[in-house]
Amino acid sequence: MGGVLVGSNDSWDSHVRSQFVFQVEQGSDYALNVRCFEGGGGAQLELQELLFSGPGTYKTVLLGDVVNGGSAVFAP
């Protein structure tokens, strides 16, 4: 309720990679809801974050991969 839709892909093209990029404030907590529907065959879903270290310089890590600098994820 009161959320913001960041991205949507209504396609059944399982081989197409969809990326949705949005920026959040560091050090804040956010509720993230992800819906992924699999209609046959293999299913994949990765949540990644970009960690910026300077202008045009960043690394990509999986969300929840705290060992490599990713943000912690908590599930109720």
PDB file of N, CA and C in Angstrom:
ATOM      1  N   MET A   1       0.828  -1.172   0.000  1.00  0.00           N
ATOM      2  CA  MET A   1       0.000   0.000   0.000  1.00  0.00           C
ATOM      3  C   MET A   1       0.881   1.247   0.000  1.00  0.00           C
ATOM      4  N   GLY A   2       0.647   2.132  -0.921  1.00  0.00           N
ATOM      5  CA  GLY A   2       1.438   3.340  -0.986  1.00  0.00           C
ATOM      6  C   GLY A   2       2.819   3.147  -1.587  1.00  0.00           C
ATOM      7  N   GLY A   3       3.057   2.002  -2.242  1.00  0.00           N
ATOM      8  CA  GLY A   3       4.366   1.727  -2.812  1.00  0.00           C
ATOM      9  C   GLY A   3       4.559   2.365  -4.169  1.00  0.00           C
ATOM     10  N   VAL A   4       5.754   2.203  -4.689  1.00  0.00           N
ATOM     11  CA  VAL A   4       6.116   2.722  -6.000  1.00  0.00           C
ATOM     12  C   VAL A   4       6.531   1.549  -6.873  1.00  0.00           C
ATOM     13  N   LEU A   5       5.922   1.425  -8.054  1.00  0.00           N
ATOM     14  CA  LEU A   5       6.311   0.385  -8.999  1.00  0.00           C
ATOM     15  C   LEU A   5       7.613   0.809  -9.664  1.00  0.00           C
ATOM     16  N   VAL A   6       8.637  -0.016  -9.517  1.00  0.00           N
ATOM     17  CA  VAL A   6       9.947   0.299 -10.079  1.00  0.00           C
ATOM     18  C   VAL A   6      10.076  -0.253 -11.483  1.00  0.00           C
ATOM     19  N   GLY A   7       9.549  -1.440 -11.727  1.00  0.00           N
ATOM     20  CA  GLY A   7       9.645  -2.035 -13.049  1.00  0.00           C
ATOM     21  C   GLY A   7       8.641  -3.140 -13.224  1.00  0.00           C
ATOM     22  N   SER A   8       8.358  -3.444 -14.484  1.00  0.00           N
ATOM     23  CA  SER A   8       7.422  -4.512 -14.792  1.00  0.00           C
ATOM     24  C   SER A   8       7.772  -5.089 -16.161  1.00  0.00           C
ATOM     25  N   ASN A   9       7.661  -6.406 -16.273  1.00  0.00           N
ATOM     26  CA  ASN A   9       7.888  -7.074 -17.547  1.00  0.00           C
ATOM     27  C   ASN A   9       6.759  -8.074 -17.723  1.00  0.00           C
ATOM     28  N   ASP A  10       5.817  -7.755 -18.586  1.00  0.00           N
ATOM     29  CA  ASP A  10       4.647  -8.608 -18.809  1.00  0.00           C
ATOM     30  C   ASP A  10       4.886  -9.655 -19.884  1.00  0.00           C
ATOM     31  N   SER A  11       6.120  -9.824 -20.299  1.00  0.00           N
ATOM     32  CA  SER A  11       6.447 -10.708 -21.407  1.00  0.00           C
ATOM     33  C   SER A  11       6.707 -12.133 -20.928  1.00  0.00           C
ATOM     34  N   TRP A  12       6.458 -13.097 -21.797  1.00  0.00           N
ATOM     35  CA  TRP A  12       6.787 -14.498 -21.518  1.00  0.00           C
ATOM     36  C   TRP A  12       8.119 -14.869 -22.143  1.00  0.00           C
ATOM     37  N   ASP A  13       8.890 -13.884 -22.577  1.00  0.00           N
ATOM     38  CA  ASP A  13      10.196 -14.135 -23.192  1.00  0.00           C
ATOM     39  C   ASP A  13      11.218 -14.449 -22.110  1.00  0.00           C
ATOM     40  N   SER A  14      11.336 -15.715 -21.747  1.00  0.00           N
ATOM     41  CA  SER A  14      12.187 -16.100 -20.629  1.00  0.00           C
ATOM     42  C   SER A  14      13.670 -15.838 -20.879  1.00  0.00           C
ATOM     43  N   HIS A  15      14.059 -15.753 -22.135  1.00  0.00           N
ATOM     44  CA  HIS A  15      15.478 -15.553 -22.431  1.00  0.00           C
ATOM     45  C   HIS A  15      15.880 -14.078 -22.423  1.00  0.00           C
ATOM     46  N   VAL A  16      14.918 -13.183 -22.268  1.00  0.00           N
ATOM     47  CA  VAL A  16      15.207 -11.754 -22.282  1.00  0.00           C
ATOM     48  C   VAL A  16      15.528 -11.282 -20.866  1.00  0.00           C
ATOM     49  N   ARG A  17      16.626 -10.597 -20.718  1.00  0.00           N
ATOM     50  CA  ARG A  17      17.027 -10.082 -19.416  1.00  0.00           C
ATOM     51  C   ARG A  17      16.411  -8.702 -19.219  1.00  0.00           C
ATOM     52  N   SER A  18      15.694  -8.541 -18.133  1.00  0.00           N
ATOM     53  CA  SER A  18      15.081  -7.253 -17.811  1.00  0.00           C
ATOM     54  C   SER A  18      15.825  -6.642 -16.638  1.00  0.00           C
ATOM     55  N   GLN A  19      16.134  -5.371 -16.756  1.00  0.00           N
ATOM     56  CA  GLN A  19      16.813  -4.678 -15.673  1.00  0.00           C
ATOM     57  C   GLN A  19      16.014  -3.441 -15.305  1.00  0.00           C
ATOM     58  N   PHE A  20      15.855  -3.233 -14.014  1.00  0.00           N
ATOM     59  CA  PHE A  20      15.176  -2.061 -13.501  1.00  0.00           C
ATOM     60  C   PHE A  20      16.102  -1.422 -12.485  1.00  0.00           C
ATOM     61  N   VAL A  21      16.456  -0.181 -12.709  1.00  0.00           N
ATOM     62  CA  VAL A  21      17.425   0.499 -11.858  1.00  0.00           C
ATOM     63  C   VAL A  21      16.723   1.629 -11.111  1.00  0.00           C
ATOM     64  N   PHE A  22      16.967   1.695  -9.804  1.00  0.00           N
ATOM     65  CA  PHE A  22      16.445   2.794  -9.005  1.00  0.00           C
ATOM     66  C   PHE A  22      17.436   3.095  -7.897  1.00  0.00           C
ATOM     67  N   GLN A  23      17.380   4.307  -7.382  1.00  0.00           N
ATOM     68  CA  GLN A  23      18.346   4.761  -6.385  1.00  0.00           C
ATOM     69  C   GLN A  23      17.657   4.922  -5.033  1.00  0.00           C
ATOM     70  N   VAL A  24      18.335   4.483  -3.980  1.00  0.00           N
ATOM     71  CA  VAL A  24      17.830   4.640  -2.614  1.00  0.00           C
ATOM     72  C   VAL A  24      18.913   5.280  -1.757  1.00  0.00           C
ATOM     73  N   GLU A  25      18.517   5.819  -0.627  1.00  0.00           N
ATOM     74  CA  GLU A  25      19.465   6.430   0.296  1.00  0.00           C
ATOM     75  C   GLU A  25      20.212   5.346   1.072  1.00  0.00           C
ATOM     76  N   GLN A  26      21.502   5.480   1.186  1.00  0.00           N
ATOM     77  CA  GLN A  26      22.335   4.534   1.924  1.00  0.00           C
ATOM     78  C   GLN A  26      22.004   4.624   3.412  1.00  0.00           C
ATOM     79  N   GLY A  27      21.974   3.476   4.068  1.00  0.00           N
ATOM     80  CA  GLY A  27      21.733   3.432   5.500  1.00  0.00           C
ATOM     81  C   GLY A  27      20.272   3.465   5.896  1.00  0.00           C
ATOM     82  N   SER A  28      19.372   3.353   4.933  1.00  0.00           N
ATOM     83  CA  SER A  28      17.938   3.355   5.222  1.00  0.00           C
ATOM     84  C   SER A  28      17.371   1.962   5.008  1.00  0.00           C
ATOM     85  N   ASP A  29      16.225   1.699   5.607  1.00  0.00           N
ATOM     86  CA  ASP A  29      15.534   0.420   5.433  1.00  0.00           C
ATOM     87  C   ASP A  29      14.377   0.599   4.458  1.00  0.00           C
ATOM     88  N   TYR A  30      14.198  -0.379   3.573  1.00  0.00           N
ATOM     89  CA  TYR A  30      13.135  -0.326   2.579  1.00  0.00           C
ATOM     90  C   TYR A  30      12.441  -1.676   2.510  1.00  0.00           C
ATOM     91  N   ALA A  31      11.139  -1.652   2.341  1.00  0.00           N
ATOM     92  CA  ALA A  31      10.386  -2.876   2.095  1.00  0.00           C
ATOM     93  C   ALA A  31      10.399  -3.114   0.584  1.00  0.00           C
ATOM     94  N   LEU A  32      10.796  -4.303   0.182  1.00  0.00           N
ATOM     95  CA  LEU A  32      10.892  -4.634  -1.238  1.00  0.00           C
ATOM     96  C   LEU A  32      10.025  -5.850  -1.505  1.00  0.00           C
ATOM     97  N   ASN A  33       9.081  -5.711  -2.397  1.00  0.00           N
ATOM     98  CA  ASN A  33       8.215  -6.821  -2.795  1.00  0.00           C
ATOM     99  C   ASN A  33       8.532  -7.184  -4.237  1.00  0.00           C
ATOM    100  N   VAL A  34       8.827  -8.460  -4.475  1.00  0.00           N
ATOM    101  CA  VAL A  34       9.154  -8.938  -5.809  1.00  0.00           C
ATOM    102  C   VAL A  34       8.188 -10.054  -6.157  1.00  0.00           C
ATOM    103  N   ARG A  35       7.585  -9.957  -7.324  1.00  0.00           N
ATOM    104  CA  ARG A  35       6.711 -11.016  -7.819  1.00  0.00           C
ATOM    105  C   ARG A  35       7.325 -11.587  -9.080  1.00  0.00           C
ATOM    106  N   CYS A  36       7.519 -12.882  -9.077  1.00  0.00           N
ATOM    107  CA  CYS A  36       8.129 -13.553 -10.215  1.00  0.00           C
ATOM    108  C   CYS A  36       7.269 -14.757 -10.554  1.00  0.00           C
ATOM    109  N   PHE A  37       6.770 -14.806 -11.769  1.00  0.00           N
ATOM    110  CA  PHE A  37       5.915 -15.901 -12.208  1.00  0.00           C
ATOM    111  C   PHE A  37       6.656 -16.752 -13.222  1.00  0.00           C
ATOM    112  N   GLU A  38       6.659 -18.043 -13.012  1.00  0.00           N
ATOM    113  CA  GLU A  38       7.346 -18.980 -13.888  1.00  0.00           C
ATOM    114  C   GLU A  38       6.284 -19.864 -14.527  1.00  0.00           C
ATOM    115  N   GLY A  39       6.259 -19.887 -15.854  1.00  0.00           N
ATOM    116  CA  GLY A  39       5.212 -20.614 -16.559  1.00  0.00           C
ATOM    117  C   GLY A  39       5.683 -21.885 -17.236  1.00  0.00           C
ATOM    118  N   GLY A  40       6.834 -22.399 -16.883  1.00  0.00           N
ATOM    119  CA  GLY A  40       7.360 -23.608 -17.506  1.00  0.00           C
ATOM    120  C   GLY A  40       8.824 -23.420 -17.837  1.00  0.00           C
ATOM    121  N   GLY A  41       9.581 -24.482 -17.725  1.00  0.00           N
ATOM    122  CA  GLY A  41      11.011 -24.377 -17.979  1.00  0.00           C
ATOM    123  C   GLY A  41      11.730 -23.842 -16.757  1.00  0.00           C
ATOM    124  N   GLY A  42      12.948 -23.401 -16.953  1.00  0.00           N
ATOM    125  CA  GLY A  42      13.738 -22.887 -15.839  1.00  0.00           C
ATOM    126  C   GLY A  42      13.327 -21.476 -15.454  1.00  0.00           C
ATOM    127  N   ALA A  43      13.445 -21.153 -14.203  1.00  0.00           N
ATOM    128  CA  ALA A  43      13.115 -19.818 -13.724  1.00  0.00           C
ATOM    129  C   ALA A  43      14.333 -19.230 -13.022  1.00  0.00           C
ATOM    130  N   GLN A  44      14.545 -17.944 -13.221  1.00  0.00           N
ATOM    131  CA  GLN A  44      15.671 -17.271 -12.592  1.00  0.00           C
ATOM    132  C   GLN A  44      15.243 -15.895 -12.118  1.00  0.00           C
ATOM    133  N   LEU A  45      15.788 -15.501 -10.998  1.00  0.00           N
ATOM    134  CA  LEU A  45      15.567 -14.158 -10.497  1.00  0.00           C
ATOM    135  C   LEU A  45      16.781 -13.781  -9.661  1.00  0.00           C
ATOM    136  N   GLU A  46      17.405 -12.675  -9.999  1.00  0.00           N
ATOM    137  CA  GLU A  46      18.530 -12.163  -9.227  1.00  0.00           C
ATOM    138  C   GLU A  46      18.243 -10.712  -8.866  1.00  0.00           C
ATOM    139  N   LEU A  47      18.512 -10.373  -7.623  1.00  0.00           N
ATOM    140  CA  LEU A  47      18.415  -8.987  -7.191  1.00  0.00           C
ATOM    141  C   LEU A  47      19.831  -8.515  -6.920  1.00  0.00           C
ATOM    142  N   GLN A  48      20.262  -7.534  -7.691  1.00  0.00           N
ATOM    143  CA  GLN A  48      21.623  -7.034  -7.591  1.00  0.00           C
ATOM    144  C   GLN A  48      21.603  -5.575  -7.177  1.00  0.00           C
ATOM    145  N   GLU A  49      22.709  -5.135  -6.620  1.00  0.00           N
ATOM    146  CA  GLU A  49      22.860  -3.719  -6.331  1.00  0.00           C
ATOM    147  C   GLU A  49      24.189  -3.230  -6.874  1.00  0.00           C
ATOM    148  N   LEU A  50      24.204  -1.973  -7.245  1.00  0.00           N
ATOM    149  CA  LEU A  50      25.424  -1.341  -7.750  1.00  0.00           C
ATOM    150  C   LEU A  50      26.009  -0.509  -6.626  1.00  0.00           C
ATOM    151  N   LEU A  51      27.248  -0.772  -6.288  1.00  0.00           N
ATOM    152  CA  LEU A  51      27.937  -0.028  -5.236  1.00  0.00           C
ATOM    153  C   LEU A  51      28.892   0.954  -5.889  1.00  0.00           C
ATOM    154  N   PHE A  52      28.599   2.234  -5.770  1.00  0.00           N
ATOM    155  CA  PHE A  52      29.405   3.276  -6.404  1.00  0.00           C
ATOM    156  C   PHE A  52      30.551   3.682  -5.498  1.00  0.00           C
ATOM    157  N   SER A  53      31.742   3.802  -6.085  1.00  0.00           N
ATOM    158  CA  SER A  53      32.909   4.230  -5.322  1.00  0.00           C
ATOM    159  C   SER A  53      33.487   5.526  -5.867  1.00  0.00           C
ATOM    160  N   GLY A  54      32.876   6.059  -6.901  1.00  0.00           N
ATOM    161  CA  GLY A  54      33.332   7.306  -7.496  1.00  0.00           C
ATOM    162  C   GLY A  54      32.573   7.535  -8.788  1.00  0.00           C
ATOM    163  N   PRO A  55      32.764   8.668  -9.422  1.00  0.00           N
ATOM    164  CA  PRO A  55      32.056   8.961 -10.673  1.00  0.00           C
ATOM    165  C   PRO A  55      32.341   7.903 -11.741  1.00  0.00           C
ATOM    166  N   GLY A  56      31.303   7.197 -12.162  1.00  0.00           N
ATOM    167  CA  GLY A  56      31.434   6.180 -13.201  1.00  0.00           C
ATOM    168  C   GLY A  56      32.096   4.892 -12.741  1.00  0.00           C
ATOM    169  N   THR A  57      32.365   4.757 -11.451  1.00  0.00           N
ATOM    170  CA  THR A  57      33.034   3.567 -10.932  1.00  0.00           C
ATOM    171  C   THR A  57      32.109   2.841  -9.962  1.00  0.00           C
ATOM    172  N   TYR A  58      31.815   1.583 -10.255  1.00  0.00           N
ATOM    173  CA  TYR A  58      30.932   0.810  -9.386  1.00  0.00           C
ATOM    174  C   TYR A  58      31.214  -0.675  -9.540  1.00  0.00           C
ATOM    175  N   LYS A  59      30.714  -1.448  -8.588  1.00  0.00           N
ATOM    176  CA  LYS A  59      30.753  -2.901  -8.723  1.00  0.00           C
ATOM    177  C   LYS A  59      29.346  -3.424  -8.469  1.00  0.00           C
ATOM    178  N   THR A  60      29.042  -4.572  -9.064  1.00  0.00           N
ATOM    179  CA  THR A  60      27.735  -5.195  -8.930  1.00  0.00           C
ATOM    180  C   THR A  60      27.850  -6.371  -7.971  1.00  0.00           C
ATOM    181  N   VAL A  61      26.972  -6.419  -6.978  1.00  0.00           N
ATOM    182  CA  VAL A  61      26.920  -7.539  -6.039  1.00  0.00           C
ATOM    183  C   VAL A  61      25.465  -7.967  -5.870  1.00  0.00           C
ATOM    184  N   LEU A  62      25.280  -9.209  -5.499  1.00  0.00           N
ATOM    185  CA  LEU A  62      23.932  -9.691  -5.242  1.00  0.00           C
ATOM    186  C   LEU A  62      23.398  -9.073  -3.959  1.00  0.00           C
ATOM    187  N   LEU A  63      22.147  -8.713  -3.963  1.00  0.00           N
ATOM    188  CA  LEU A  63      21.507  -8.191  -2.765  1.00  0.00           C
ATOM    189  C   LEU A  63      21.539  -9.277  -1.707  1.00  0.00           C
ATOM    190  N   GLY A  64      22.033  -8.955  -0.525  1.00  0.00           N
ATOM    191  CA  GLY A  64      22.162  -9.933   0.545  1.00  0.00           C
ATOM    192  C   GLY A  64      23.545 -10.545   0.659  1.00  0.00           C
ATOM    193  N   ASP A  65      24.425 -10.269  -0.295  1.00  0.00           N
ATOM    194  CA  ASP A  65      25.791 -10.801  -0.257  1.00  0.00           C
ATOM    195  C   ASP A  65      26.665  -9.860   0.572  1.00  0.00           C
ATOM    196  N   VAL A  66      26.493  -9.892   1.885  1.00  0.00           N
ATOM    197  CA  VAL A  66      27.206  -8.960   2.765  1.00  0.00           C
ATOM    198  C   VAL A  66      28.713  -9.210   2.781  1.00  0.00           C
ATOM    199  N   VAL A  67      29.136 -10.422   2.488  1.00  0.00           N
ATOM    200  CA  VAL A  67      30.577 -10.731   2.458  1.00  0.00           C
ATOM    201  C   VAL A  67      31.283  -9.899   1.390  1.00  0.00           C
ATOM    202  N   ASN A  68      30.605  -9.650   0.259  1.00  0.00           N
ATOM    203  CA  ASN A  68      31.201  -8.883  -0.839  1.00  0.00           C
ATOM    204  C   ASN A  68      30.707  -7.441  -0.881  1.00  0.00           C
ATOM    205  N   GLY A  69      30.099  -6.966   0.215  1.00  0.00           N
ATOM    206  CA  GLY A  69      29.690  -5.563   0.302  1.00  0.00           C
ATOM    207  C   GLY A  69      28.229  -5.307   0.042  1.00  0.00           C
ATOM    208  N   GLY A  70      27.453  -6.336  -0.242  1.00  0.00           N
ATOM    209  CA  GLY A  70      26.025  -6.155  -0.491  1.00  0.00           C
ATOM    210  C   GLY A  70      25.258  -5.830   0.780  1.00  0.00           C
ATOM    211  N   SER A  71      24.089  -5.255   0.624  1.00  0.00           N
ATOM    212  CA  SER A  71      23.245  -4.907   1.758  1.00  0.00           C
ATOM    213  C   SER A  71      22.620  -6.157   2.365  1.00  0.00           C
ATOM    214  N   ALA A  72      22.448  -6.124   3.675  1.00  0.00           N
ATOM    215  CA  ALA A  72      21.791  -7.238   4.373  1.00  0.00           C
ATOM    216  C   ALA A  72      20.309  -7.259   4.017  1.00  0.00           C
ATOM    217  N   VAL A  73      19.748  -8.459   3.946  1.00  0.00           N
ATOM    218  CA  VAL A  73      18.333  -8.646   3.645  1.00  0.00           C
ATOM    219  C   VAL A  73      17.688  -9.400   4.787  1.00  0.00           C
ATOM    220  N   PHE A  74      16.559  -8.908   5.233  1.00  0.00           N
ATOM    221  CA  PHE A  74      15.827  -9.548   6.330  1.00  0.00           C
ATOM    222  C   PHE A  74      14.437  -9.914   5.848  1.00  0.00           C
ATOM    223  N   ALA A  75      14.009 -11.122   6.139  1.00  0.00           N
ATOM    224  CA  ALA A  75      12.668 -11.587   5.765  1.00  0.00           C
ATOM    225  C   ALA A  75      11.867 -11.835   7.035  1.00  0.00           C
ATOM    226  N   PRO A  76      10.614 -11.366   7.061  1.00  0.00           N
ATOM    227  CA  PRO A  76       9.788 -11.593   8.264  1.00  0.00           C
ATOM    228  C   PRO A  76       9.443 -13.054   8.452  1.00  0.00           C
TER     229      PRO A  76
END
